[in-house]
Amino acid sequence: MSYSSFTIATCALVDPDRCTKKFGYCRRRCFKDEKQIDICLSPNKICCTESSFDED
């Protein structure tokens, strides 16, 4: 399998609305008060959401 077909197959498995369904935002980097919760459809972005302050 070539690299391009692997990339296409991998991207096809990602739901484009998955991040927003989890109330997240696709960004290149999460802000200091956010944490990564998922990946995004765009290859250079990750899904970030606000961190809750009661987590340790």
PDB file of N, CA and C in Angstrom:
ATOM      1  N   MET A   1       0.847  -1.178   0.000  1.00  0.00           N
ATOM      2  CA  MET A   1       0.000   0.000   0.000  1.00  0.00           C
ATOM      3  C   MET A   1       0.889   1.237   0.000  1.00  0.00           C
ATOM      4  N   SER A   2       0.570   2.177  -0.830  1.00  0.00           N
ATOM      5  CA  SER A   2       1.367   3.400  -0.900  1.00  0.00           C
ATOM      6  C   SER A   2       0.962   4.361   0.213  1.00  0.00           C
ATOM      7  N   TYR A   3       1.823   5.336   0.459  1.00  0.00           N
ATOM      8  CA  TYR A   3       1.571   6.328   1.505  1.00  0.00           C
ATOM      9  C   TYR A   3       0.291   7.114   1.235  1.00  0.00           C
ATOM     10  N   SER A   4       0.071   7.516  -0.018  1.00  0.00           N
ATOM     11  CA  SER A   4      -1.111   8.327  -0.328  1.00  0.00           C
ATOM     12  C   SER A   4      -2.406   7.551  -0.118  1.00  0.00           C
ATOM     13  N   SER A   5      -2.434   6.286  -0.458  1.00  0.00           N
ATOM     14  CA  SER A   5      -3.657   5.518  -0.243  1.00  0.00           C
ATOM     15  C   SER A   5      -3.892   5.279   1.242  1.00  0.00           C
ATOM     16  N   PHE A   6      -2.819   5.145   2.021  1.00  0.00           N
ATOM     17  CA  PHE A   6      -2.960   5.009   3.468  1.00  0.00           C
ATOM     18  C   PHE A   6      -3.536   6.293   4.063  1.00  0.00           C
ATOM     19  N   THR A   7      -3.029   7.438   3.614  1.00  0.00           N
ATOM     20  CA  THR A   7      -3.508   8.731   4.108  1.00  0.00           C
ATOM     21  C   THR A   7      -4.983   8.918   3.778  1.00  0.00           C
ATOM     22  N   ILE A   8      -5.376   8.602   2.566  1.00  0.00           N
ATOM     23  CA  ILE A   8      -6.777   8.736   2.159  1.00  0.00           C
ATOM     24  C   ILE A   8      -7.655   7.801   2.984  1.00  0.00           C
ATOM     25  N   ALA A   9      -7.223   6.586   3.189  1.00  0.00           N
ATOM     26  CA  ALA A   9      -7.995   5.630   3.978  1.00  0.00           C
ATOM     27  C   ALA A   9      -8.121   6.097   5.420  1.00  0.00           C
ATOM     28  N   THR A  10      -7.060   6.649   5.969  1.00  0.00           N
ATOM     29  CA  THR A  10      -7.082   7.127   7.347  1.00  0.00           C
ATOM     30  C   THR A  10      -8.022   8.317   7.482  1.00  0.00           C
ATOM     31  N   CYS A  11      -7.945   9.257   6.570  1.00  0.00           N
ATOM     32  CA  CYS A  11      -8.794  10.446   6.628  1.00  0.00           C
ATOM     33  C   CYS A  11     -10.264  10.103   6.432  1.00  0.00           C
ATOM     34  N   ALA A  12     -10.538   9.089   5.665  1.00  0.00           N
ATOM     35  CA  ALA A  12     -11.921   8.706   5.412  1.00  0.00           C
ATOM     36  C   ALA A  12     -12.600   8.188   6.679  1.00  0.00           C
ATOM     37  N   LEU A  13     -11.816   7.722   7.644  1.00  0.00           N
ATOM     38  CA  LEU A  13     -12.369   7.188   8.880  1.00  0.00           C
ATOM     39  C   LEU A  13     -12.738   8.281   9.876  1.00  0.00           C
ATOM     40  N   VAL A  14     -12.264   9.498   9.668  1.00  0.00           N
ATOM     41  CA  VAL A  14     -12.510  10.593  10.600  1.00  0.00           C
ATOM     42  C   VAL A  14     -13.801  11.310  10.224  1.00  0.00           C
ATOM     43  N   ASP A  15     -14.726  11.377  11.164  1.00  0.00           N
ATOM     44  CA  ASP A  15     -15.975  12.111  10.959  1.00  0.00           C
ATOM     45  C   ASP A  15     -15.664  13.604  10.995  1.00  0.00           C
ATOM     46  N   PRO A  16     -15.975  14.348   9.933  1.00  0.00           N
ATOM     47  CA  PRO A  16     -15.629  15.770   9.897  1.00  0.00           C
ATOM     48  C   PRO A  16     -16.296  16.596  10.996  1.00  0.00           C
ATOM     49  N   ASP A  17     -17.400  16.126  11.547  1.00  0.00           N
ATOM     50  CA  ASP A  17     -18.095  16.859  12.606  1.00  0.00           C
ATOM     51  C   ASP A  17     -17.813  16.301  13.999  1.00  0.00           C
ATOM     52  N   ARG A  18     -16.914  15.346  14.089  1.00  0.00           N
ATOM     53  CA  ARG A  18     -16.660  14.687  15.369  1.00  0.00           C
ATOM     54  C   ARG A  18     -16.171  15.658  16.436  1.00  0.00           C
ATOM     55  N   CYS A  19     -15.289  16.572  16.056  1.00  0.00           N
ATOM     56  CA  CYS A  19     -14.748  17.530  17.016  1.00  0.00           C
ATOM     57  C   CYS A  19     -15.841  18.470  17.522  1.00  0.00           C
ATOM     58  N   THR A  20     -16.638  19.015  16.620  1.00  0.00           N
ATOM     59  CA  THR A  20     -17.687  19.950  17.040  1.00  0.00           C
ATOM     60  C   THR A  20     -18.784  19.247  17.834  1.00  0.00           C
ATOM     61  N   LYS A  21     -19.006  17.967  17.568  1.00  0.00           N
ATOM     62  CA  LYS A  21     -19.986  17.209  18.356  1.00  0.00           C
ATOM     63  C   LYS A  21     -19.534  17.071  19.805  1.00  0.00           C
ATOM     64  N   LYS A  22     -18.217  17.102  20.013  1.00  0.00           N
ATOM     65  CA  LYS A  22     -17.657  17.028  21.369  1.00  0.00           C
ATOM     66  C   LYS A  22     -17.417  18.425  21.938  1.00  0.00           C
ATOM     67  N   PHE A  23     -17.996  19.445  21.301  1.00  0.00           N
ATOM     68  CA  PHE A  23     -17.854  20.844  21.712  1.00  0.00           C
ATOM     69  C   PHE A  23     -16.401  21.297  21.699  1.00  0.00           C
ATOM     70  N   GLY A  24     -15.661  20.827  20.696  1.00  0.00           N
ATOM     71  CA  GLY A  24     -14.257  21.200  20.553  1.00  0.00           C
ATOM     72  C   GLY A  24     -14.040  22.113  19.360  1.00  0.00           C
ATOM     73  N   TYR A  25     -12.798  22.540  19.207  1.00  0.00           N
ATOM     74  CA  TYR A  25     -12.407  23.424  18.107  1.00  0.00           C
ATOM     75  C   TYR A  25     -11.149  22.871  17.462  1.00  0.00           C
ATOM     76  N   CYS A  26     -11.104  22.851  16.140  1.00  0.00           N
ATOM     77  CA  CYS A  26      -9.918  22.399  15.422  1.00  0.00           C
ATOM     78  C   CYS A  26      -8.902  23.532  15.363  1.00  0.00           C
ATOM     79  N   ARG A  27      -7.718  23.279  15.889  1.00  0.00           N
ATOM     80  CA  ARG A  27      -6.652  24.275  15.919  1.00  0.00           C
ATOM     81  C   ARG A  27      -5.320  23.585  15.631  1.00  0.00           C
ATOM     82  N   ARG A  28      -4.317  24.394  15.273  1.00  0.00           N
ATOM     83  CA  ARG A  28      -2.968  23.848  15.114  1.00  0.00           C
ATOM     84  C   ARG A  28      -2.370  23.486  16.474  1.00  0.00           C
ATOM     85  N   ARG A  29      -2.656  24.295  17.472  1.00  0.00           N
ATOM     86  CA  ARG A  29      -2.180  24.064  18.835  1.00  0.00           C
ATOM     87  C   ARG A  29      -3.278  24.468  19.811  1.00  0.00           C
ATOM     88  N   CYS A  30      -3.426  23.730  20.885  1.00  0.00           N
ATOM     89  CA  CYS A  30      -4.414  24.094  21.894  1.00  0.00           C
ATOM     90  C   CYS A  30      -3.897  25.273  22.715  1.00  0.00           C
ATOM     91  N   PHE A  31      -4.816  26.113  23.184  1.00  0.00           N
ATOM     92  CA  PHE A  31      -4.449  27.198  24.082  1.00  0.00           C
ATOM     93  C   PHE A  31      -4.032  26.623  25.431  1.00  0.00           C
ATOM     94  N   LYS A  32      -3.425  27.446  26.279  1.00  0.00           N
ATOM     95  CA  LYS A  32      -2.942  26.982  27.585  1.00  0.00           C
ATOM     96  C   LYS A  32      -4.058  26.419  28.455  1.00  0.00           C
ATOM     97  N   ASP A  33      -5.254  26.967  28.331  1.00  0.00           N
ATOM     98  CA  ASP A  33      -6.376  26.510  29.160  1.00  0.00           C
ATOM     99  C   ASP A  33      -7.225  25.442  28.462  1.00  0.00           C
ATOM    100  N   GLU A  34      -6.686  24.846  27.390  1.00  0.00           N
ATOM    101  CA  GLU A  34      -7.392  23.799  26.655  1.00  0.00           C
ATOM    102  C   GLU A  34      -6.590  22.502  26.667  1.00  0.00           C
ATOM    103  N   LYS A  35      -7.265  21.414  26.338  1.00  0.00           N
ATOM    104  CA  LYS A  35      -6.584  20.125  26.197  1.00  0.00           C
ATOM    105  C   LYS A  35      -7.017  19.478  24.895  1.00  0.00           C
ATOM    106  N   GLN A  36      -6.153  18.621  24.358  1.00  0.00           N
ATOM    107  CA  GLN A  36      -6.469  17.893  23.125  1.00  0.00           C
ATOM    108  C   GLN A  36      -7.390  16.734  23.455  1.00  0.00           C
ATOM    109  N   ILE A  37      -8.487  16.615  22.703  1.00  0.00           N
ATOM    110  CA  ILE A  37      -9.419  15.517  22.941  1.00  0.00           C
ATOM    111  C   ILE A  37      -9.561  14.591  21.747  1.00  0.00           C
ATOM    112  N   ASP A  38      -9.110  15.033  20.570  1.00  0.00           N
ATOM    113  CA  ASP A  38      -9.313  14.226  19.364  1.00  0.00           C
ATOM    114  C   ASP A  38      -8.443  14.776  18.245  1.00  0.00           C
ATOM    115  N   ILE A  39      -8.548  14.171  17.063  1.00  0.00           N
ATOM    116  CA  ILE A  39      -7.893  14.700  15.871  1.00  0.00           C
ATOM    117  C   ILE A  39      -8.957  15.329  14.987  1.00  0.00           C
ATOM    118  N   CYS A  40      -8.526  16.134  14.036  1.00  0.00           N
ATOM    119  CA  CYS A  40      -9.455  16.787  13.110  1.00  0.00           C
ATOM    120  C   CYS A  40      -9.260  16.248  11.701  1.00  0.00           C
ATOM    121  N   LEU A  41     -10.195  16.567  10.841  1.00  0.00           N
ATOM    122  CA  LEU A  41     -10.122  16.136   9.452  1.00  0.00           C
ATOM    123  C   LEU A  41      -8.895  16.718   8.767  1.00  0.00           C
ATOM    124  N   SER A  42      -8.550  17.953   9.101  1.00  0.00           N
ATOM    125  CA  SER A  42      -7.355  18.589   8.551  1.00  0.00           C
ATOM    126  C   SER A  42      -6.122  17.929   9.162  1.00  0.00           C
ATOM    127  N   PRO A  43      -5.147  17.528   8.353  1.00  0.00           N
ATOM    128  CA  PRO A  43      -4.006  16.757   8.867  1.00  0.00           C
ATOM    129  C   PRO A  43      -3.111  17.508   9.850  1.00  0.00           C
ATOM    130  N   ASN A  44      -3.123  18.833   9.832  1.00  0.00           N
ATOM    131  CA  ASN A  44      -2.240  19.603  10.711  1.00  0.00           C
ATOM    132  C   ASN A  44      -2.953  20.168  11.924  1.00  0.00           C
ATOM    133  N   LYS A  45      -4.175  19.738  12.175  1.00  0.00           N
ATOM    134  CA  LYS A  45      -4.934  20.314  13.285  1.00  0.00           C
ATOM    135  C   LYS A  45      -5.389  19.236  14.254  1.00  0.00           C
ATOM    136  N   ILE A  46      -5.575  19.657  15.499  1.00  0.00           N
ATOM    137  CA  ILE A  46      -6.073  18.771  16.545  1.00  0.00           C
ATOM    138  C   ILE A  46      -7.333  19.383  17.137  1.00  0.00           C
ATOM    139  N   CYS A  47      -8.129  18.556  17.772  1.00  0.00           N
ATOM    140  CA  CYS A  47      -9.369  19.013  18.380  1.00  0.00           C
ATOM    141  C   CYS A  47      -9.102  19.383  19.830  1.00  0.00           C
ATOM    142  N   CYS A  48      -9.395  20.622  20.177  1.00  0.00           N
ATOM    143  CA  CYS A  48      -9.143  21.123  21.528  1.00  0.00           C
ATOM    144  C   CYS A  48     -10.459  21.506  22.190  1.00  0.00           C
ATOM    145  N   THR A  49     -10.494  21.363  23.508  1.00  0.00           N
ATOM    146  CA  THR A  49     -11.647  21.798  24.283  1.00  0.00           C
ATOM    147  C   THR A  49     -11.148  22.399  25.581  1.00  0.00           C
ATOM    148  N   GLU A  50     -11.978  23.214  26.207  1.00  0.00           N
ATOM    149  CA  GLU A  50     -11.585  23.844  27.458  1.00  0.00           C
ATOM    150  C   GLU A  50     -11.345  22.780  28.513  1.00  0.00           C
ATOM    151  N   SER A  51     -10.256  22.951  29.262  1.00  0.00           N
ATOM    152  CA  SER A  51      -9.969  22.047  30.371  1.00  0.00           C
ATOM    153  C   SER A  51     -10.834  22.449  31.549  1.00  0.00           C
ATOM    154  N   SER A  52     -11.383  21.467  32.237  1.00  0.00           N
ATOM    155  CA  SER A  52     -12.116  21.798  33.454  1.00  0.00           C
ATOM    156  C   SER A  52     -11.105  21.947  34.583  1.00  0.00           C
ATOM    157  N   PHE A  53     -11.337  22.907  35.432  1.00  0.00           N
ATOM    158  CA  PHE A  53     -10.364  23.232  36.466  1.00  0.00           C
ATOM    159  C   PHE A  53     -10.373  22.240  37.618  1.00  0.00           C
ATOM    160  N   ASP A  54     -11.369  21.376  37.717  1.00  0.00           N
ATOM    161  CA  ASP A  54     -11.410  20.412  38.802  1.00  0.00           C
ATOM    162  C   ASP A  54     -10.642  19.139  38.477  1.00  0.00           C
ATOM    163  N   GLU A  55     -10.009  19.057  37.318  1.00  0.00           N
ATOM    164  CA  GLU A  55      -9.165  17.908  36.975  1.00  0.00           C
ATOM    165  C   GLU A  55      -7.763  18.114  37.515  1.00  0.00           C
ATOM    166  N   ASP A  56      -7.138  17.049  37.945  1.00  0.00           N
ATOM    167  CA  ASP A  56      -5.744  17.137  38.405  1.00  0.00           C
ATOM    168  C   ASP A  56      -4.848  16.308  37.536  1.00  0.00           C
TER     169      ASP A  56
END
